[in-house]
Amino acid sequence: MTERTLGDVATKVLFENDRVRVWEMRLEPGESSPVHRHDLDYLLVQIEGDRIKGVFEPDSAGEYSGEVEAEVVPGNTLFISKGGIETAVNSGTKPYYEILIELKD
C-alpha cells in the first residue's frame, strides 16, 4: 500500500498566533484542493462562489462522510469538528473563496 501525502487545509495562511490560524481557500470552477486532514476544530466562512463539495476519504474521522455538496451563501459560517480527511471541490461555475479559522487547543 502506498503512503498518502496530505496537503494544506486551505490555499494560504493569512494570520497565525498561539490561539488561531487563519487561512484563505480559493478554488476556480472545477478545481480541487489537495487531500487534507483537519487536525483542529475550525470555523469556515463562505465569502463567494455558488457551489462547493467535500469528498471525504473512507478513513475520515470527522462528522461528514461520502460526498457533501451545498450552495454557497456568502457570510454563511459553520463550526466543524476536527478529524475530517477530505478534498474540497468547486462544483460551481464561479470562483470559490472562503476564510477558514483553525482553533488551537
C-alpha atoms as a PDB file:
ATOM      1  CA  MET A   1       0.000   0.000   0.000  1.00  0.00           C
ATOM      2  CA  THR A   2       1.361   3.439  -0.917  1.00  0.00           C
ATOM      3  CA  GLU A   3       1.726   6.221   1.624  1.00  0.00           C
ATOM      4  CA  ARG A   4      -0.834   9.007   1.225  1.00  0.00           C
ATOM      5  CA  THR A   5       0.529  12.561   1.058  1.00  0.00           C
ATOM      6  CA  LEU A   6      -1.726  15.163   2.665  1.00  0.00           C
ATOM      7  CA  GLY A   7      -1.801  18.810   1.645  1.00  0.00           C
ATOM      8  CA  ASP A   8      -2.643  22.005   3.499  1.00  0.00           C
ATOM      9  CA  VAL A   9      -6.207  22.607   4.716  1.00  0.00           C
ATOM     10  CA  ALA A  10      -6.523  25.693   2.504  1.00  0.00           C
ATOM     11  CA  THR A  11      -4.617  27.820  -0.004  1.00  0.00           C
ATOM     12  CA  LYS A  12      -2.697  30.363   2.087  1.00  0.00           C
ATOM     13  CA  VAL A  13      -2.123  31.256   5.762  1.00  0.00           C
ATOM     14  CA  LEU A  14      -3.213  34.847   6.397  1.00  0.00           C
ATOM     15  CA  PHE A  15      -2.551  35.059  10.162  1.00  0.00           C
ATOM     16  CA  GLU A  16      -1.334  32.832  12.988  1.00  0.00           C
ATOM     17  CA  ASN A  17      -0.730  33.171  16.709  1.00  0.00           C
ATOM     18  CA  ASP A  18      -0.811  30.766  19.679  1.00  0.00           C
ATOM     19  CA  ARG A  19      -4.650  30.562  19.623  1.00  0.00           C
ATOM     20  CA  VAL A  20      -5.747  30.578  15.949  1.00  0.00           C
ATOM     21  CA  ARG A  21      -4.541  30.052  12.395  1.00  0.00           C
ATOM     22  CA  VAL A  22      -6.477  31.875   9.653  1.00  0.00           C
ATOM     23  CA  TRP A  23      -6.412  30.569   6.069  1.00  0.00           C
ATOM     24  CA  GLU A  24      -7.975  31.548   2.790  1.00  0.00           C
ATOM     25  CA  MET A  25      -9.220  28.939   0.319  1.00  0.00           C
ATOM     26  CA  ARG A  26      -9.558  29.869  -3.330  1.00  0.00           C
ATOM     27  CA  LEU A  27     -10.729  27.396  -5.965  1.00  0.00           C
ATOM     28  CA  GLU A  28     -11.582  28.076  -9.595  1.00  0.00           C
ATOM     29  CA  PRO A  29     -14.629  26.304 -11.092  1.00  0.00           C
ATOM     30  CA  GLY A  30     -13.865  22.573 -11.330  1.00  0.00           C
ATOM     31  CA  GLU A  31     -10.676  22.926  -9.246  1.00  0.00           C
ATOM     32  CA  SER A  32      -9.987  20.628  -6.276  1.00  0.00           C
ATOM     33  CA  SER A  33      -7.854  21.120  -3.187  1.00  0.00           C
ATOM     34  CA  PRO A  34      -5.255  18.543  -2.206  1.00  0.00           C
ATOM     35  CA  VAL A  35      -6.479  15.776   0.105  1.00  0.00           C
ATOM     36  CA  HIS A  36      -6.049  17.172   3.620  1.00  0.00           C
ATOM     37  CA  ARG A  37      -6.812  16.315   7.258  1.00  0.00           C
ATOM     38  CA  HIS A  38      -8.313  18.722   9.761  1.00  0.00           C
ATOM     39  CA  ASP A  39      -6.337  18.214  12.969  1.00  0.00           C
ATOM     40  CA  LEU A  40      -8.029  21.184  14.684  1.00  0.00           C
ATOM     41  CA  ASP A  41     -11.642  22.292  15.131  1.00  0.00           C
ATOM     42  CA  TYR A  42     -12.369  25.188  12.786  1.00  0.00           C
ATOM     43  CA  LEU A  43     -14.774  27.826  11.550  1.00  0.00           C
ATOM     44  CA  LEU A  44     -15.464  28.103   7.836  1.00  0.00           C
ATOM     45  CA  VAL A  45     -16.787  31.425   6.475  1.00  0.00           C
ATOM     46  CA  GLN A  46     -18.052  31.396   2.883  1.00  0.00           C
ATOM     47  CA  ILE A  47     -17.234  34.619   1.030  1.00  0.00           C
ATOM     48  CA  GLU A  48     -18.124  33.961  -2.617  1.00  0.00           C
ATOM     49  CA  GLY A  49     -18.966  31.223  -5.099  1.00  0.00           C
ATOM     50  CA  ASP A  50     -22.080  29.246  -5.969  1.00  0.00           C
ATOM     51  CA  ARG A  51     -21.481  25.522  -5.199  1.00  0.00           C
ATOM     52  CA  ILE A  52     -18.913  23.636  -3.094  1.00  0.00           C
ATOM     53  CA  LYS A  53     -18.449  19.930  -2.458  1.00  0.00           C
ATOM     54  CA  GLY A  54     -16.484  17.987   0.151  1.00  0.00           C
ATOM     55  CA  VAL A  55     -15.306  14.497  -0.869  1.00  0.00           C
ATOM     56  CA  PHE A  56     -14.396  12.582   2.294  1.00  0.00           C
ATOM     57  CA  GLU A  57     -11.877   9.763   2.474  1.00  0.00           C
ATOM     58  CA  PRO A  58     -13.059   6.336   3.744  1.00  0.00           C
ATOM     59  CA  ASP A  59     -10.939   6.729   6.912  1.00  0.00           C
ATOM     60  CA  SER A  60     -12.216  10.249   7.664  1.00  0.00           C
ATOM     61  CA  ALA A  61     -12.993  10.603  11.379  1.00  0.00           C
ATOM     62  CA  GLY A  62     -14.976  13.821  11.103  1.00  0.00           C
ATOM     63  CA  GLU A  63     -18.719  14.362  11.281  1.00  0.00           C
ATOM     64  CA  TYR A  64     -19.219  14.015   7.497  1.00  0.00           C
ATOM     65  CA  SER A  65     -18.721  11.085   5.127  1.00  0.00           C
ATOM     66  CA  GLY A  66     -19.048  10.323   1.433  1.00  0.00           C
ATOM     67  CA  GLU A  67     -19.741  13.461  -0.575  1.00  0.00           C
ATOM     68  CA  VAL A  68     -21.434  16.593   0.749  1.00  0.00           C
ATOM     69  CA  GLU A  69     -22.411  19.313  -1.721  1.00  0.00           C
ATOM     70  CA  ALA A  70     -24.110  22.610  -0.946  1.00  0.00           C
ATOM     71  CA  GLU A  71     -24.973  26.029  -2.271  1.00  0.00           C
ATOM     72  CA  VAL A  72     -22.537  28.764  -1.242  1.00  0.00           C
ATOM     73  CA  VAL A  73     -24.165  31.510   0.836  1.00  0.00           C
ATOM     74  CA  PRO A  74     -21.817  34.485   1.320  1.00  0.00           C
ATOM     75  CA  GLY A  75     -21.421  35.104   5.060  1.00  0.00           C
ATOM     76  CA  ASN A  76     -22.518  31.573   5.959  1.00  0.00           C
ATOM     77  CA  THR A  77     -20.393  30.449   8.916  1.00  0.00           C
ATOM     78  CA  LEU A  78     -20.018  26.808  10.017  1.00  0.00           C
ATOM     79  CA  PHE A  79     -18.284  25.241  13.021  1.00  0.00           C
ATOM     80  CA  ILE A  80     -16.711  21.905  12.064  1.00  0.00           C
ATOM     81  CA  SER A  81     -15.056  19.445  14.447  1.00  0.00           C
ATOM     82  CA  LYS A  82     -11.581  18.101  13.749  1.00  0.00           C
ATOM     83  CA  GLY A  83     -10.900  14.711  12.205  1.00  0.00           C
ATOM     84  CA  GLY A  84     -12.138  15.073   8.648  1.00  0.00           C
ATOM     85  CA  ILE A  85      -9.933  13.897   5.768  1.00  0.00           C
ATOM     86  CA  GLU A  86     -11.236  15.387   2.550  1.00  0.00           C
ATOM     87  CA  THR A  87     -10.845  17.097  -0.773  1.00  0.00           C
ATOM     88  CA  ALA A  88     -12.728  20.362  -1.388  1.00  0.00           C
ATOM     89  CA  VAL A  89     -14.114  20.698  -4.922  1.00  0.00           C
ATOM     90  CA  ASN A  90     -15.544  23.824  -6.520  1.00  0.00           C
ATOM     91  CA  SER A  91     -18.534  22.196  -8.199  1.00  0.00           C
ATOM     92  CA  GLY A  92     -19.939  25.549  -9.289  1.00  0.00           C
ATOM     93  CA  THR A  93     -19.459  27.927 -12.188  1.00  0.00           C
ATOM     94  CA  LYS A  94     -17.981  30.838 -10.185  1.00  0.00           C
ATOM     95  CA  PRO A  95     -14.657  31.161  -8.325  1.00  0.00           C
ATOM     96  CA  TYR A  96     -14.956  29.955  -4.702  1.00  0.00           C
ATOM     97  CA  TYR A  97     -13.492  31.884  -1.772  1.00  0.00           C
ATOM     98  CA  GLU A  98     -13.672  31.096   1.949  1.00  0.00           C
ATOM     99  CA  ILE A  99     -11.905  32.003   5.163  1.00  0.00           C
ATOM    100  CA  LEU A 100     -11.030  29.038   7.410  1.00  0.00           C
ATOM    101  CA  ILE A 101     -10.137  29.710  11.064  1.00  0.00           C
ATOM    102  CA  GLU A 102      -8.448  26.851  12.939  1.00  0.00           C
ATOM    103  CA  LEU A 103      -8.889  26.921  16.725  1.00  0.00           C
ATOM    104  CA  LYS A 104      -5.737  25.775  18.510  1.00  0.00           C
ATOM    105  CA  ASP A 105      -6.018  23.928  21.835  1.00  0.00           C
END
